[in-house]
């Protein structure tokens, strides 16, 4: 059986396109794997750790969506469920919610700022005027010396 030259050319062109596409997909997979491995850190949660739970999919949190707290907590990890999920003890008002969450919706909770940033020093002076001291500029003028346009 003879094949028409145009059909053979089309077949060869399609085969080259498939080979190029499969090579590009393999290169993209390898590139993405290298990027993931370079930046990914496995979470090291243990039973009893304090965590915050993302409230993105909670429909029983009151208030406008943009004013709600992003995370709920602190909650205690009861047990690890497989490699990618944890079971937490939720607060009483969320007790009807399923207590197992994937690790992508959980982040560690730090008791105090000192625990998270041990080398940070506390600043004893406040930037806000507590009423006893002088303002940094006289009343009726802004910090550039210009008169304020708003009358109190």
Protein backbone atom coordinates (compact mmCIF):
# COMPACT_ATOMS: atom_id res chain seq x y z
CA UNK A 1 0.00 0.00 0.00
CA UNK A 2 1.32 3.42 -0.90
CA UNK A 3 0.86 6.53 1.21
CA UNK A 4 0.30 9.87 -0.39
CA UNK A 5 3.28 12.24 0.17
CA UNK A 6 1.04 14.91 1.74
CA UNK A 7 -0.36 12.38 4.24
CA UNK A 8 3.19 11.26 5.15
CA UNK A 9 4.26 14.88 5.61
CA UNK A 10 1.22 15.59 7.83
CA UNK A 11 1.93 12.46 9.87
CA UNK A 12 5.57 13.45 10.39
CA UNK A 13 4.59 17.01 11.33
CA UNK A 14 2.03 15.74 13.86
CA UNK A 15 4.59 13.32 15.35
CA UNK A 16 7.15 16.17 15.76
CA UNK A 17 4.49 18.36 17.42
CA UNK A 18 3.58 15.56 19.87
CA UNK A 19 7.25 14.96 20.70
CA UNK A 20 7.83 18.69 21.28
CA UNK A 21 4.72 18.99 23.46
CA UNK A 22 5.67 15.98 25.61
CA UNK A 23 9.23 17.31 26.03
CA UNK A 24 7.89 20.76 27.07
CA UNK A 25 5.50 19.18 29.58
CA UNK A 26 8.33 17.12 31.10
CA UNK A 27 10.54 20.24 31.39
CA UNK A 28 7.69 22.21 33.00
CA UNK A 29 7.08 19.42 35.52
CA UNK A 30 10.76 19.32 36.45
CA UNK A 31 10.91 23.13 36.77
CA UNK A 32 7.81 23.22 39.00
CA UNK A 33 9.18 20.37 41.14
CA UNK A 34 12.45 22.25 41.68
CA UNK A 35 10.60 25.46 42.64
CA UNK A 36 8.32 23.54 45.03
CA UNK A 37 11.18 21.63 46.67
CA UNK A 38 13.20 24.83 47.13
CA UNK A 39 10.47 26.76 48.97
CA UNK A 40 8.30 24.07 50.57
CA UNK A 41 8.59 23.35 54.28
CA UNK A 42 6.79 20.40 55.81
CA UNK A 43 4.70 21.46 58.81
CA UNK A 44 5.85 20.02 62.09
CA UNK A 45 2.61 19.89 64.08
CA UNK A 46 2.31 17.56 67.06
CA UNK A 47 -0.60 16.56 69.27
CA UNK A 48 -1.26 19.27 71.84
CA UNK A 49 0.06 22.16 69.70
CA UNK A 50 -1.94 25.38 69.60
CA UNK A 51 -3.12 26.37 66.10
CA UNK A 52 -5.30 28.93 64.34
CA UNK A 53 -7.93 27.70 61.85
CA UNK A 54 -8.78 29.69 58.70
CA UNK A 55 -12.42 30.86 58.78
CA UNK A 56 -12.77 31.32 55.02
CA UNK A 57 -15.40 28.60 54.60
CA UNK A 58 -17.16 29.11 57.94
CA UNK A 59 -20.69 30.33 57.29
CA UNK A 60 -21.65 30.70 60.95
CA UNK A 61 -19.23 33.56 61.74
CA UNK A 62 -21.29 36.70 62.27
CA UNK A 63 -20.70 40.05 60.62
CA UNK A 64 -19.71 41.27 57.17
CA UNK A 65 -17.22 39.02 55.41
CA UNK A 66 -14.53 41.69 55.12
CA UNK A 67 -14.79 42.53 58.84
CA UNK A 68 -14.54 38.96 60.18
CA UNK A 69 -11.43 37.56 61.76
CA UNK A 70 -9.39 35.61 59.23
CA UNK A 71 -8.46 32.92 61.73
CA UNK A 72 -10.24 31.24 64.60
CA UNK A 73 -8.33 30.15 67.62
CA UNK A 74 -6.46 29.19 69.46
CA UNK A 75 -7.42 25.55 69.09
CA UNK A 76 -5.58 22.49 70.34
CA UNK A 77 -4.60 19.63 68.04
CA UNK A 78 -6.23 16.44 69.30
CA UNK A 79 -4.62 14.11 66.76
CA UNK A 80 -2.96 14.00 63.37
CA UNK A 81 -5.15 12.51 60.65
CA UNK A 82 -2.84 11.11 58.00
CA UNK A 83 -0.08 13.31 56.61
CA UNK A 84 -2.19 16.26 55.50
CA UNK A 85 -4.88 16.85 58.12
CA UNK A 86 -5.35 17.50 61.82
CA UNK A 87 -8.26 17.11 64.21
CA UNK A 88 -8.67 20.13 66.49
CA UNK A 89 -10.77 20.92 69.54
CA UNK A 90 -12.92 23.87 68.47
CA UNK A 91 -14.49 26.47 70.73
CA UNK A 92 -17.99 25.82 72.03
CA UNK A 93 -19.81 27.98 69.47
CA UNK A 94 -18.17 25.99 66.64
CA UNK A 95 -18.66 22.57 68.24
CA UNK A 96 -21.10 21.50 65.48
CA UNK A 97 -18.42 22.11 62.82
CA UNK A 98 -16.46 19.08 61.62
CA UNK A 99 -13.18 19.17 63.60
CA UNK A 100 -10.82 17.79 60.92
CA UNK A 101 -9.03 20.38 58.78
CA UNK A 102 -6.35 20.09 56.10
CA UNK A 103 -2.96 21.55 56.96
CA UNK A 104 -3.48 24.28 54.36
CA UNK A 105 -6.21 25.78 56.60
CA UNK A 106 -4.17 25.64 59.82
CA UNK A 107 -1.26 27.77 61.03
CA UNK A 108 0.71 27.69 64.28
CA UNK A 109 -0.40 29.92 67.16
CA UNK A 110 2.19 31.80 69.18
CA UNK A 111 1.25 32.78 72.74
CA UNK A 112 3.10 36.10 72.81
CA UNK A 113 5.14 38.27 70.55
CA UNK A 114 8.24 37.37 72.59
CA UNK A 115 7.84 33.73 71.59
CA UNK A 116 7.61 34.61 67.90
CA UNK A 117 10.29 37.34 67.92
CA UNK A 118 12.67 36.59 70.81
CA UNK A 119 15.23 39.27 69.87
CA UNK A 120 12.67 42.09 69.59
CA UNK A 121 12.86 44.66 72.38
CA UNK A 122 9.76 46.24 73.85
CA UNK A 123 9.34 49.95 73.15
CA UNK A 124 8.29 51.65 76.40
CA UNK A 125 7.23 54.88 74.71
CA UNK A 126 4.00 55.01 72.80
CA UNK A 127 3.53 56.97 69.59
CA UNK A 128 0.00 57.95 70.58
CA UNK A 129 -0.70 60.93 72.80
CA UNK A 130 -2.19 59.59 76.02
CA UNK A 131 -3.54 62.99 77.05
CA UNK A 132 -0.82 63.94 79.51
CA UNK A 133 1.89 65.08 77.13
CA UNK A 134 2.18 67.73 74.46
CA UNK A 135 1.25 67.08 70.88
CA UNK A 136 4.19 67.03 68.45
CA UNK A 137 2.82 70.23 66.83
CA UNK A 138 0.55 72.97 68.14
CA UNK A 139 -3.22 72.58 67.84
CA UNK A 140 -4.68 74.20 64.76
CA UNK A 141 -1.57 73.48 62.69
CA UNK A 142 -0.47 70.31 61.00
CA UNK A 143 3.05 68.87 61.17
CA UNK A 144 4.16 71.05 58.24
CA UNK A 145 3.20 74.28 60.02
CA UNK A 146 0.15 74.91 57.83
CA UNK A 147 -3.20 75.90 59.34
CA UNK A 148 -5.77 73.11 59.56
CA UNK A 149 -8.90 73.66 57.48
CA UNK A 150 -11.17 71.65 59.75
CA UNK A 151 -12.67 73.54 62.69
CA UNK A 152 -13.43 71.43 65.74
